[in-house]
């Protein structure tokens, strides 16, 4: 296993941050005032009042010298020296001299920068690729970026060409080839050529997910497809995104599920709460009679409602709360790890953060405490 494949987690002891491996070894002793996850093999850390970067072998590869610093993306990281922003490479060499009033991450080969009160873009050589001229500019997504000129939103390509003229009251990034836009108080959709493929007519509109997008007409929600047709008539008091082929809908004060044809496959019967929702790993959380449980995709109660709180399944297990303690169940409802923790997080990479007596530790999927609770804060392994 090379260095980049080593999984580390951020932990905090007292007011210092460090990193541990999955055996609980303090690979990098807590010593930093602040720190972030590793990205592209390096992590930003703060010593005293200055930021630098470390590798996974405990080496400070870029000495703390910056007022602020961001993650590496596409080989470069933004840094702040004095009151100006620039970029460095992984050797700590200044790739772009600090000269900007703000700087963002590289995305699709370009990064947003700000000069004065205008946004533009630079390339990886530090050259101004698109002159700062916009009141706002977003990251590039699917080859286009949202910009705002004179209070109106439009889109540019990577050459700075205005592909879609500023004309919208609100704009969003492209997803699955379409973007939602607002004109006046109505929402619609455009394609990448700027064609209004779905006329602004909706009170609200959302991103496409699994080929369909949620829209609101009047006070009811429905769904449209990418050929501009309303495929599921607005009829629901609220509707959620499609996940694993099904979407939760609300009628009155009860929730159920529909398929992509609009057929109600699970009749509205469950209580509406913010914690009920999408299918994840084949099961969805539901709320009945003040308790949480899970259903399968045909609406059968897979795990009867019995929990004070519950979370989605991750890596085959789900967090549940009984009384005031958290534990984990499998998809058959078996209490694989009995409720005993003051709090807990989802499993990631085979381990989960748990809290006992105000301290964080880690357990495996058998419920064995593999790293004793000893940290004031702990994050997932990545």
Protein backbone atom coordinates (compact mmCIF):
# COMPACT_ATOMS: atom_id res chain seq x y z
CA UNK A 1 0.00 0.00 0.00
CA UNK A 2 1.47 3.34 -0.99
CA UNK A 3 1.25 6.47 1.12
CA UNK A 4 -1.74 7.86 -0.74
CA UNK A 5 -3.78 4.73 0.06
CA UNK A 6 -3.22 4.98 3.84
CA UNK A 7 -6.47 5.89 5.56
CA UNK A 8 -6.17 8.51 8.28
CA UNK A 9 -8.69 10.28 10.48
CA UNK A 10 -8.55 13.72 12.05
CA UNK A 11 -8.77 13.72 15.85
CA UNK A 12 -8.68 16.43 18.48
CA UNK A 13 -7.21 16.24 21.98
CA UNK A 14 -7.65 19.35 24.04
CA UNK A 15 -7.31 22.16 21.53
CA UNK A 16 -4.87 20.38 19.21
CA UNK A 17 -5.52 18.37 16.05
CA UNK A 18 -3.65 15.32 14.78
CA UNK A 19 -4.17 12.16 12.74
CA UNK A 20 -4.58 8.48 13.58
CA UNK A 21 -4.58 5.31 11.49
CA UNK A 22 -7.15 2.52 11.69
CA UNK A 23 -5.16 0.81 14.44
CA UNK A 24 -5.53 3.89 16.60
CA UNK A 25 -1.87 4.79 16.30
CA UNK A 26 -1.20 8.50 16.42
CA UNK A 27 0.54 8.73 13.10
CA UNK A 28 0.73 12.50 13.47
CA UNK A 29 0.54 13.65 17.08
CA UNK A 30 -2.07 16.28 17.94
CA UNK A 31 -0.08 19.49 17.66
CA UNK A 32 -1.96 21.72 15.25
CA UNK A 33 -4.31 24.59 16.03
CA UNK A 34 -6.40 23.51 13.07
CA UNK A 35 -6.21 20.89 10.32
CA UNK A 36 -8.16 19.43 7.43
CA UNK A 37 -8.46 16.09 5.67
CA UNK A 38 -5.85 14.91 3.20
CA UNK A 39 -6.51 15.80 -0.41
CA UNK A 40 -4.20 14.63 -3.18
CA UNK A 41 -1.76 13.35 -0.54
CA UNK A 42 -1.38 16.56 1.47
CA UNK A 43 -3.36 18.24 4.24
CA UNK A 44 -3.49 21.88 5.31
CA UNK A 45 -2.43 22.38 8.95
CA UNK A 46 -2.15 25.41 11.20
CA UNK A 47 0.77 25.90 13.59
CA UNK A 48 0.47 29.01 15.69
CA UNK A 49 -1.14 31.50 13.37
CA UNK A 50 0.33 30.18 10.12
CA UNK A 51 -0.82 27.51 7.66
CA UNK A 52 1.31 24.91 5.90
CA UNK A 53 0.97 21.34 4.60
CA UNK A 54 1.93 17.88 5.79
CA UNK A 55 2.13 14.49 4.10
CA UNK A 56 1.02 11.18 5.59
CA UNK A 57 4.56 10.37 6.74
CA UNK A 58 4.43 13.21 9.30
CA UNK A 59 6.64 15.44 7.22
CA UNK A 60 5.88 19.13 7.07
CA UNK A 61 6.44 19.40 3.34
CA UNK A 62 5.37 23.04 3.07
CA UNK A 63 6.29 24.99 6.18
CA UNK A 64 3.61 27.07 7.89
CA UNK A 65 3.90 30.56 6.43
CA UNK A 66 0.45 31.46 5.10
CA UNK A 67 -2.42 33.37 6.69
CA UNK A 68 -4.80 30.79 5.23
CA UNK A 69 -4.71 27.82 2.85
CA UNK A 70 -7.09 25.51 1.01
CA UNK A 71 -7.03 21.89 -0.15
CA UNK A 72 -5.05 20.78 -3.18
CA UNK A 73 -7.23 20.27 -6.23
CA UNK A 74 -5.86 19.45 -9.66
CA UNK A 75 -2.32 19.81 -8.26
CA UNK A 76 -2.61 23.33 -6.85
CA UNK A 77 -3.82 24.92 -3.60
CA UNK A 78 -4.83 28.49 -2.88
CA UNK A 79 -2.93 30.33 -0.17
CA UNK A 80 -3.18 33.74 1.44
CA UNK A 81 -0.14 35.91 2.14
CA UNK A 82 -0.87 39.22 3.78
CA UNK A 83 -4.21 40.22 2.35
CA UNK A 84 -3.71 38.65 -1.09
CA UNK A 85 -4.40 35.19 -2.49
CA UNK A 86 -2.25 33.10 -4.81
CA UNK A 87 -1.48 29.43 -5.53
CA UNK A 88 1.24 26.94 -4.69
CA UNK A 89 2.21 23.55 -6.10
CA UNK A 90 2.86 20.43 -4.03
CA UNK A 91 6.50 21.38 -3.54
CA UNK A 92 5.44 24.61 -1.89
CA UNK A 93 6.62 26.63 -4.85
CA UNK A 94 4.55 29.72 -5.61
CA UNK A 95 2.76 28.85 -8.84
CA UNK A 96 0.78 32.09 -8.99
CA UNK A 97 1.93 35.12 -7.03
CA UNK A 98 -0.47 36.37 -4.34
CA UNK A 99 -2.31 39.20 -6.07
CA UNK A 100 -6.00 38.41 -5.81
CA UNK A 101 -8.55 39.62 -3.29
CA UNK A 102 -10.04 36.13 -3.15
CA UNK A 103 -9.31 32.76 -4.76
CA UNK A 104 -11.12 29.45 -5.10
CA UNK A 105 -10.30 25.86 -5.99
CA UNK A 106 -9.46 24.63 -9.47
CA UNK A 107 -12.36 22.97 -11.22
CA UNK A 108 -12.15 21.62 -14.76
CA UNK A 109 -8.79 23.36 -15.23
CA UNK A 110 -9.78 26.86 -14.13
CA UNK A 111 -10.10 28.61 -10.77
CA UNK A 112 -12.25 31.54 -9.75
CA UNK A 113 -10.42 34.66 -8.57
CA UNK A 114 -11.52 38.10 -7.46
CA UNK A 115 -9.84 41.44 -8.19
CA UNK A 116 -11.47 44.37 -6.48
CA UNK A 117 -15.15 43.55 -6.62
CA UNK A 118 -15.05 41.58 -9.87
CA UNK A 119 -14.70 37.84 -10.47
CA UNK A 120 -12.75 36.13 -13.23
CA UNK A 121 -10.74 32.95 -13.83
CA UNK A 122 -7.12 31.89 -14.07
CA UNK A 123 -5.51 28.82 -15.60
CA UNK A 124 -2.93 26.59 -13.92
CA UNK A 125 -0.08 28.73 -15.20
CA UNK A 126 -1.48 31.67 -13.28
CA UNK A 127 -2.52 33.42 -16.45
CA UNK A 128 -5.79 35.33 -16.43
CA UNK A 129 -7.92 33.09 -18.62
CA UNK A 130 -11.12 35.13 -18.28
CA UNK A 131 -10.82 38.78 -17.29
CA UNK A 132 -12.40 39.73 -13.94
CA UNK A 133 -15.63 41.45 -14.96
CA UNK A 134 -18.45 39.61 -13.22
CA UNK A 135 -20.39 40.47 -10.08
CA UNK A 136 -20.41 36.75 -9.33
CA UNK A 137 -18.88 33.68 -10.94
CA UNK A 138 -19.37 30.00 -10.14
CA UNK A 139 -17.17 26.97 -10.66
CA UNK A 140 -17.21 25.30 -14.04
CA UNK A 141 -19.58 22.37 -14.22
CA UNK A 142 -20.08 20.29 -17.35
CA UNK A 143 -17.99 22.87 -19.25
CA UNK A 144 -20.01 25.95 -18.32
CA UNK A 145 -20.02 28.37 -15.40
CA UNK A 146 -22.70 30.63 -13.97
CA UNK A 147 -21.86 34.35 -14.07
CA UNK A 148 -23.75 37.48 -13.04
CA UNK A 149 -23.59 40.79 -14.93
CA UNK A 150 -25.75 43.79 -14.04
CA UNK A 151 -27.75 41.64 -11.68
CA UNK A 152 -28.64 39.01 -14.29
CA UNK A 153 -27.35 35.45 -14.56
CA UNK A 154 -25.88 33.83 -17.66
CA UNK A 155 -23.27 31.23 -18.61
CA UNK A 156 -19.78 31.30 -20.08
CA UNK A 157 -17.55 28.60 -21.54
CA UNK A 158 -13.89 28.07 -20.65
CA UNK A 159 -12.79 30.57 -23.27
CA UNK A 160 -14.85 33.25 -21.58
CA UNK A 161 -17.35 33.27 -24.42
CA UNK A 162 -20.84 34.26 -23.35
CA UNK A 163 -22.68 31.09 -24.35
CA UNK A 164 -25.93 32.13 -22.69
CA UNK A 165 -26.43 35.87 -22.28
CA UNK A 166 -27.17 37.26 -18.81
CA UNK A 167 -30.95 37.45 -18.62
CA UNK A 168 -32.09 35.35 -15.68
CA UNK A 169 -33.00 36.45 -12.18
CA UNK A 170 -31.43 33.30 -10.77
CA UNK A 171 -29.29 30.58 -12.30
CA UNK A 172 -27.93 27.22 -11.22
CA UNK A 173 -25.17 24.92 -12.46
CA UNK A 174 -25.80 22.30 -15.12
CA UNK A 175 -26.68 18.78 -14.08
CA UNK A 176 -27.47 15.97 -16.49
CA UNK A 177 -27.24 18.55 -19.31
CA UNK A 178 -29.89 20.97 -18.02
CA UNK A 179 -29.94 23.88 -15.59
CA UNK A 180 -32.85 25.51 -13.82
CA UNK A 181 -33.33 29.24 -14.16
CA UNK A 182 -35.66 31.88 -12.78
CA UNK A 183 -37.39 34.64 -14.71
CA UNK A 184 -39.55 36.89 -12.58
CA UNK A 185 -41.20 34.60 -10.08
CA UNK A 186 -41.26 31.52 -12.33
CA UNK A 187 -38.78 28.71 -12.87
CA UNK A 188 -37.86 26.79 -16.02
CA UNK A 189 -34.94 24.94 -17.62
CA UNK A 190 -32.35 25.67 -20.29
CA UNK A 191 -29.94 23.47 -22.24
CA UNK A 192 -26.27 24.19 -22.80
CA UNK A 193 -27.00 26.20 -25.93
CA UNK A 194 -29.16 28.56 -23.95
CA UNK A 195 -32.37 27.23 -25.40
CA UNK A 196 -35.26 27.51 -22.98
CA UNK A 197 -36.33 23.89 -23.20
CA UNK A 198 -38.94 24.18 -20.47
CA UNK A 199 -40.57 27.60 -20.27
CA UNK A 200 -40.48 29.35 -16.90
CA UNK A 201 -43.86 28.42 -15.48
CA UNK A 202 -43.17 26.73 -12.18
CA UNK A 203 -43.29 28.19 -8.69
CA UNK A 204 -40.23 26.07 -7.87
CA UNK A 205 -37.93 23.71 -9.75
CA UNK A 206 -35.15 21.34 -8.70
CA UNK A 207 -32.21 19.48 -10.26
CA UNK A 208 -32.64 16.38 -12.38
CA UNK A 209 -32.04 13.17 -10.50
CA UNK A 210 -32.24 9.79 -12.22
CA UNK A 211 -33.69 11.52 -15.30
CA UNK A 212 -36.54 13.38 -13.61
CA UNK A 213 -36.84 16.75 -11.88
CA UNK A 214 -39.28 18.00 -9.28
CA UNK A 215 -41.42 21.00 -10.16
CA UNK A 216 -44.13 22.95 -8.38
CA UNK A 217 -47.22 24.28 -10.17
CA UNK A 218 -49.53 26.31 -7.99
CA UNK A 219 -49.26 24.60 -4.64
CA UNK A 220 -48.68 21.06 -5.94
CA UNK A 221 -45.54 19.13 -6.85
CA UNK A 222 -44.93 16.83 -9.81
CA UNK A 223 -42.10 15.72 -12.11
CA UNK A 224 -40.82 16.51 -15.60
CA UNK A 225 -38.48 14.61 -17.89
CA UNK A 226 -35.75 15.92 -20.17
CA UNK A 227 -37.96 16.16 -23.23
CA UNK A 228 -39.89 18.90 -21.47
CA UNK A 229 -42.93 16.82 -20.64
CA UNK A 230 -44.73 16.70 -17.32
CA UNK A 231 -44.57 12.95 -16.76
CA UNK A 232 -46.07 12.97 -13.28
CA UNK A 233 -48.82 15.54 -12.87
CA UNK A 234 -48.47 18.04 -10.02
CA UNK A 235 -50.67 16.53 -7.31
CA UNK A 236 -48.51 16.17 -4.22
CA UNK A 237 -48.19 18.52 -1.28
CA UNK A 238 -44.46 17.90 -1.48
CA UNK A 239 -42.17 15.60 -3.43
CA UNK A 240 -38.61 14.42 -2.97
CA UNK A 241 -35.92 13.39 -5.46
CA UNK A 242 -35.79 9.92 -6.97
CA UNK A 243 -33.35 7.58 -5.29
CA UNK A 244 -32.96 3.93 -6.25
CA UNK A 245 -35.95 4.29 -8.58
CA UNK A 246 -38.46 5.59 -6.03
CA UNK A 247 -39.36 9.01 -4.65
CA UNK A 248 -41.11 9.94 -1.44
CA UNK A 249 -44.23 12.08 -1.81
CA UNK A 250 -46.50 13.80 0.69
CA UNK A 251 -50.29 13.91 0.54
CA UNK A 252 -51.91 15.73 3.42
CA UNK A 253 -49.86 14.84 6.46
CA UNK A 254 -48.86 11.36 5.23
CA UNK A 255 -45.94 10.17 3.12
CA UNK A 256 -45.70 7.38 0.57
CA UNK A 257 -43.62 6.49 -2.49
CA UNK A 258 -44.04 6.59 -6.26
CA UNK A 259 -42.13 5.03 -9.13
CA UNK A 260 -40.99 6.89 -12.24
CA UNK A 261 -44.30 6.33 -14.00
CA UNK A 262 -46.03 8.19 -11.19
CA UNK A 263 -47.65 5.05 -9.86
CA UNK A 264 -48.11 5.09 -6.11
CA UNK A 265 -46.27 1.91 -5.16
CA UNK A 266 -46.38 2.55 -1.42
CA UNK A 267 -49.55 4.31 -0.30
CA UNK A 268 -49.20 7.46 1.83
CA UNK A 269 -49.50 6.16 5.38
CA UNK A 270 -46.36 7.28 7.18
CA UNK A 271 -45.99 10.37 9.34
CA UNK A 272 -44.10 13.25 7.81
CA UNK A 273 -40.86 14.17 9.59
CA UNK A 274 -37.62 15.70 8.37
CA UNK A 275 -35.86 12.42 9.16
CA UNK A 276 -37.97 10.21 6.88
CA UNK A 277 -36.85 9.99 3.29
CA UNK A 278 -34.96 8.35 0.47
CA UNK A 279 -34.20 4.70 -0.10
CA UNK A 280 -30.63 3.81 0.76
CA UNK A 281 -29.27 0.31 0.24
CA UNK A 282 -32.80 -0.93 -0.48
CA UNK A 283 -34.53 0.39 2.63
CA UNK A 284 -36.11 3.71 3.63
CA UNK A 285 -36.76 5.21 7.05
CA UNK A 286 -40.38 5.78 7.98
CA UNK A 287 -42.14 7.27 10.99
CA UNK A 288 -45.26 5.71 12.51
CA UNK A 289 -46.82 6.35 15.88
CA UNK A 290 -43.91 8.44 17.08
CA UNK A 291 -41.28 5.80 16.25
CA UNK A 292 -38.90 5.16 13.36
CA UNK A 293 -38.60 1.97 11.36
CA UNK A 294 -37.81 0.87 7.80
CA UNK A 295 -39.71 -0.32 4.75
CA UNK A 296 -38.60 -2.18 1.64
CA UNK A 297 -39.40 -1.17 -1.94
CA UNK A 298 -42.77 -2.90 -2.01
CA UNK A 299 -43.86 -1.04 1.08
CA UNK A 300 -43.53 -3.95 3.45
CA UNK A 301 -42.41 -3.05 6.96
CA UNK A 302 -38.93 -4.53 6.99
CA UNK A 303 -38.04 -3.30 10.48
CA UNK A 304 -40.97 -2.30 12.67
CA UNK A 305 -41.08 1.26 14.02
CA UNK A 306 -39.53 1.13 17.49
CA UNK A 307 -36.71 3.66 17.56
CA UNK A 308 -36.58 7.23 18.88
CA UNK A 309 -34.31 8.15 15.98
CA UNK A 310 -32.78 6.34 13.02
CA UNK A 311 -30.41 7.02 10.13
CA UNK A 312 -29.86 5.66 6.62
CA UNK A 313 -28.01 2.41 6.02
CA UNK A 314 -24.30 2.71 5.28
CA UNK A 315 -22.11 -0.30 4.61
CA UNK A 316 -24.98 -2.58 5.66
CA UNK A 317 -25.66 -1.04 9.07
CA UNK A 318 -27.83 1.84 10.30
CA UNK A 319 -27.59 3.96 13.43
CA UNK A 320 -30.63 3.76 15.70
CA UNK A 321 -31.54 5.34 19.02
CA UNK A 322 -33.37 3.51 21.81
CA UNK A 323 -34.05 5.55 24.90
CA UNK A 324 -31.11 7.90 25.06
CA UNK A 325 -28.48 5.55 23.61
CA UNK A 326 -27.32 4.83 20.07
CA UNK A 327 -26.52 1.49 18.49
CA UNK A 328 -26.65 -0.22 15.09
CA UNK A 329 -28.95 -2.64 13.30
CA UNK A 330 -28.58 -4.73 10.16
CA UNK A 331 -31.15 -4.91 7.36
CA UNK A 332 -33.04 -7.66 9.15
CA UNK A 333 -33.49 -5.42 12.17
CA UNK A 334 -31.03 -7.38 14.29
CA UNK A 335 -29.33 -5.23 16.91
CA UNK A 336 -25.81 -6.01 15.81
CA UNK A 337 -24.39 -3.40 18.16
CA UNK A 338 -26.62 -2.79 21.16
CA UNK A 339 -27.57 0.81 22.00
CA UNK A 340 -24.90 1.98 24.44
CA UNK A 341 -23.33 5.12 22.99
CA UNK A 342 -24.10 8.75 23.77
CA UNK A 343 -23.86 9.45 20.07
CA UNK A 344 -22.58 7.72 16.96
CA UNK A 345 -21.86 8.30 13.28
CA UNK A 346 -22.30 6.24 10.11
CA UNK A 347 -19.81 3.54 9.20
CA UNK A 348 -17.12 4.63 6.76
CA UNK A 349 -14.33 2.33 5.63
CA UNK A 350 -15.48 -0.30 8.14
CA UNK A 351 -15.28 1.91 11.24
CA UNK A 352 -17.66 4.33 12.96
CA UNK A 353 -17.05 7.18 15.36
CA UNK A 354 -18.84 6.77 18.70
CA UNK A 355 -19.11 8.96 21.80
CA UNK A 356 -18.91 7.64 25.36
CA UNK A 357 -18.61 9.89 28.38
CA UNK A 358 -17.86 12.91 26.26
CA UNK A 359 -14.97 11.27 24.40
CA UNK A 360 -14.81 9.95 20.83
CA UNK A 361 -13.52 6.55 19.78
CA UNK A 362 -14.09 4.03 16.99
CA UNK A 363 -15.87 0.70 16.70
CA UNK A 364 -15.86 -1.99 14.02
CA UNK A 365 -18.95 -3.66 12.56
CA UNK A 366 -18.96 -6.29 15.28
CA UNK A 367 -19.30 -3.54 17.86
CA UNK A 368 -15.79 -4.01 19.15
CA UNK A 369 -14.17 -0.83 20.38
CA UNK A 370 -11.03 -0.83 18.25
CA UNK A 371 -9.89 2.65 19.25
CA UNK A 372 -10.74 3.61 22.82
CA UNK A 373 -12.76 6.80 23.43
CA UNK A 374 -10.07 9.37 24.18
CA UNK A 375 -10.54 12.20 21.71
CA UNK A 376 -12.45 15.43 22.17
CA UNK A 377 -13.51 15.21 18.54
CA UNK A 378 -12.97 12.70 15.77
CA UNK A 379 -13.80 12.45 12.08
CA UNK A 380 -14.27 9.64 9.59
CA UNK A 381 -11.38 7.83 7.96
CA UNK A 382 -10.69 8.86 4.40
